[in-house]
């Protein structure tokens, strides 16, 4: 339930993103169509997720409160239910990453690129937690975060294979490809 408490921060940041985008488009006198609106919604969700993730993993702790480093794989699994929950939470925390990144950025639609991006973000997050002492720097977190992103990516691939997100042009209309489409 802790991430739900950080959601308002993400929603505020997402709204600020949309406001800045609206001002930018008005300044540039850029029209918005259905495809642009879809991209805006996806990126809004990405901003909400990113801020919520940062708030949960980085800003929810006092600086210097955690100073240990664990390089032992599956060290965080532990023996208690709470330790198991933290382990599983790290997987769940990056599932949206694996879904939103390939939807928001067409260059990240490949498995290797999406997984590499998740791994890199996780390493950076753990490194910053170590430097600031705002979280335990653990190899398990990097592995579980990456596994979560892989699960998210698999869900993304299942969705684009099941649902026909690409619209066909009718008459003289232009074809609109949503970010979910395979092309």
Protein backbone atom coordinates (compact mmCIF):
# COMPACT_ATOMS: atom_id res chain seq x y z
CA UNK A 1 0.00 0.00 0.00
CA UNK A 2 2.99 2.32 0.40
CA UNK A 3 3.24 3.08 -3.36
CA UNK A 4 -0.38 4.26 -3.37
CA UNK A 5 0.64 6.99 -0.93
CA UNK A 6 3.21 8.25 -3.45
CA UNK A 7 0.77 8.25 -6.35
CA UNK A 8 -0.35 11.88 -5.76
CA UNK A 9 3.25 13.00 -6.35
CA UNK A 10 3.28 11.12 -9.63
CA UNK A 11 -0.11 12.47 -10.65
CA UNK A 12 1.00 16.04 -9.93
CA UNK A 13 4.16 15.53 -11.98
CA UNK A 14 2.12 13.97 -14.80
CA UNK A 15 -0.28 16.93 -14.79
CA UNK A 16 2.67 19.34 -14.89
CA UNK A 17 4.03 17.38 -17.85
CA UNK A 18 0.71 17.69 -19.70
CA UNK A 19 0.49 21.40 -18.87
CA UNK A 20 4.02 22.02 -20.16
CA UNK A 21 3.20 20.03 -23.28
CA UNK A 22 0.04 22.07 -23.89
CA UNK A 23 1.95 25.33 -23.48
CA UNK A 24 4.69 24.06 -25.80
CA UNK A 25 2.18 23.07 -28.47
CA UNK A 26 0.34 26.37 -28.18
CA UNK A 27 3.62 28.24 -28.51
CA UNK A 28 4.59 26.17 -31.55
CA UNK A 29 1.00 26.18 -32.85
CA UNK A 30 1.01 22.41 -33.21
CA UNK A 31 -2.26 20.60 -33.75
CA UNK A 32 -3.08 17.45 -31.83
CA UNK A 33 -4.74 14.43 -33.37
CA UNK A 34 -5.89 11.12 -31.96
CA UNK A 35 -2.45 9.53 -32.30
CA UNK A 36 -0.79 12.44 -30.48
CA UNK A 37 -3.36 12.23 -27.71
CA UNK A 38 -2.63 8.52 -27.26
CA UNK A 39 1.10 9.22 -27.02
CA UNK A 40 0.43 11.97 -24.48
CA UNK A 41 -1.60 9.60 -22.31
CA UNK A 42 1.10 6.92 -22.46
CA UNK A 43 3.83 9.39 -21.56
CA UNK A 44 1.64 10.84 -18.79
CA UNK A 45 1.40 7.32 -17.32
CA UNK A 46 5.18 6.94 -17.70
CA UNK A 47 5.77 10.19 -15.77
CA UNK A 48 3.31 9.10 -13.04
CA UNK A 49 5.05 5.72 -12.79
CA UNK A 50 8.56 7.22 -12.82
CA UNK A 51 7.88 9.73 -10.07
CA UNK A 52 6.06 7.15 -7.95
CA UNK A 53 8.98 4.74 -8.41
CA UNK A 54 11.55 7.39 -7.45
CA UNK A 55 9.50 8.47 -4.45
CA UNK A 56 9.15 4.87 -3.27
CA UNK A 57 12.73 3.73 -3.89
CA UNK A 58 14.66 6.88 -3.20
CA UNK A 59 12.85 9.71 -1.47
CA UNK A 60 10.86 7.72 1.09
CA UNK A 61 13.91 7.21 3.32
CA UNK A 62 16.13 9.46 5.35
CA UNK A 63 19.58 10.16 3.85
CA UNK A 64 22.26 8.00 5.45
CA UNK A 65 19.73 5.65 7.04
CA UNK A 66 20.99 2.63 5.10
CA UNK A 67 24.64 2.04 4.34
CA UNK A 68 25.02 -1.66 3.56
CA UNK A 69 25.79 -3.34 0.25
CA UNK A 70 24.78 -6.91 -0.50
CA UNK A 71 26.32 -8.75 -3.43
CA UNK A 72 24.88 -12.14 -2.50
CA UNK A 73 22.18 -13.35 -4.85
CA UNK A 74 18.85 -14.11 -3.14
CA UNK A 75 20.11 -12.60 0.11
CA UNK A 76 16.94 -10.54 0.47
CA UNK A 77 14.62 -13.55 0.18
CA UNK A 78 15.23 -14.13 3.89
CA UNK A 79 13.15 -16.35 6.14
CA UNK A 80 10.25 -14.09 7.10
CA UNK A 81 7.07 -13.29 5.19
CA UNK A 82 8.05 -9.60 5.21
CA UNK A 83 11.39 -10.40 3.55
CA UNK A 84 9.54 -12.44 0.92
CA UNK A 85 7.16 -9.52 0.39
CA UNK A 86 10.06 -7.08 -0.19
CA UNK A 87 11.59 -9.49 -2.69
CA UNK A 88 8.31 -9.83 -4.60
CA UNK A 89 7.67 -6.07 -4.35
CA UNK A 90 10.90 -5.43 -6.26
CA UNK A 91 9.62 -7.63 -9.09
CA UNK A 92 6.19 -5.96 -9.09
CA UNK A 93 7.77 -2.51 -8.98
CA UNK A 94 9.31 -2.86 -12.46
CA UNK A 95 6.46 -4.62 -14.29
CA UNK A 96 5.03 -1.24 -15.41
CA UNK A 97 8.49 -0.34 -16.73
CA UNK A 98 8.42 -3.35 -19.06
CA UNK A 99 4.99 -2.34 -20.34
CA UNK A 100 5.28 1.45 -20.56
CA UNK A 101 8.78 1.85 -22.01
CA UNK A 102 8.14 -0.09 -25.24
CA UNK A 103 4.72 1.53 -25.62
CA UNK A 104 6.08 5.05 -25.11
CA UNK A 105 9.28 4.70 -27.15
CA UNK A 106 9.27 2.74 -30.39
CA UNK A 107 13.04 2.23 -30.19
CA UNK A 108 12.55 0.25 -26.97
CA UNK A 109 10.16 -2.32 -28.45
CA UNK A 110 12.80 -5.02 -28.69
CA UNK A 111 13.33 -7.43 -25.80
CA UNK A 112 17.05 -6.72 -25.47
CA UNK A 113 16.66 -2.92 -25.51
CA UNK A 114 13.82 -2.91 -23.01
CA UNK A 115 15.62 -5.33 -20.68
CA UNK A 116 18.88 -3.40 -20.98
CA UNK A 117 17.07 -0.15 -20.18
CA UNK A 118 15.47 -1.75 -17.10
CA UNK A 119 18.79 -3.19 -15.95
CA UNK A 120 20.53 0.18 -16.46
CA UNK A 121 17.82 2.10 -14.60
CA UNK A 122 17.95 -0.41 -11.75
CA UNK A 123 21.76 -0.17 -11.50
CA UNK A 124 21.54 3.64 -11.47
CA UNK A 125 18.81 3.56 -8.83
CA UNK A 126 20.81 1.18 -6.62
CA UNK A 127 23.96 3.26 -7.12
CA UNK A 128 22.16 6.43 -6.07
CA UNK A 129 20.71 4.65 -3.06
CA UNK A 130 24.23 3.61 -2.06
CA UNK A 131 25.72 7.08 -2.58
CA UNK A 132 23.00 8.84 -0.61
CA UNK A 133 22.37 6.09 1.95
CA UNK A 134 18.66 6.19 1.13
CA UNK A 135 18.30 2.49 0.49
CA UNK A 136 20.07 -0.82 0.66
CA UNK A 137 22.26 -1.37 -2.37
CA UNK A 138 21.59 -4.99 -3.24
CA UNK A 139 22.34 -7.22 -6.21
CA UNK A 140 18.98 -8.88 -5.59
CA UNK A 141 17.19 -5.60 -6.28
CA UNK A 142 18.87 -5.26 -9.67
CA UNK A 143 17.99 -8.84 -10.59
CA UNK A 144 14.40 -8.68 -9.32
CA UNK A 145 13.77 -5.29 -10.93
CA UNK A 146 15.04 -6.63 -14.25
CA UNK A 147 12.89 -9.76 -13.89
CA UNK A 148 9.89 -7.51 -13.24
CA UNK A 149 10.60 -5.54 -16.41
CA UNK A 150 10.90 -8.80 -18.38
CA UNK A 151 7.49 -9.89 -17.05
CA UNK A 152 6.08 -6.49 -18.02
CA UNK A 153 7.61 -6.77 -21.48
CA UNK A 154 6.09 -10.22 -21.92
CA UNK A 155 2.68 -8.80 -20.96
CA UNK A 156 3.21 -6.00 -23.49
CA UNK A 157 4.03 -8.55 -26.24
CA UNK A 158 0.99 -10.68 -25.33
CA UNK A 159 -1.25 -7.60 -25.55
CA UNK A 160 0.01 -6.49 -28.95
CA UNK A 161 -0.42 -10.03 -30.27
CA UNK A 162 -3.98 -10.39 -28.95
CA UNK A 163 -5.45 -6.95 -29.57
CA UNK A 164 -5.49 -5.29 -33.01
CA UNK A 165 -4.43 -1.79 -31.98
CA UNK A 166 -3.60 -0.53 -35.46
CA UNK A 167 -6.55 1.11 -37.19
CA UNK A 168 -7.14 0.69 -40.90
CA UNK A 169 -7.81 3.83 -42.97
CA UNK A 170 -11.38 4.17 -44.16
CA UNK A 171 -11.96 6.15 -47.33
CA UNK A 172 -9.66 9.15 -47.63
CA UNK A 173 -8.54 9.18 -43.99
CA UNK A 174 -4.93 8.76 -42.99
CA UNK A 175 -3.91 5.65 -41.10
CA UNK A 176 -3.35 6.20 -37.37
CA UNK A 177 -0.97 3.77 -35.72
CA UNK A 178 -1.23 3.63 -31.99
CA UNK A 179 1.95 3.10 -29.98
CA UNK A 180 0.87 -0.47 -29.27
CA UNK A 181 1.08 -1.51 -32.90
CA UNK A 182 3.84 -3.78 -34.08
CA UNK A 183 4.99 -1.42 -36.84
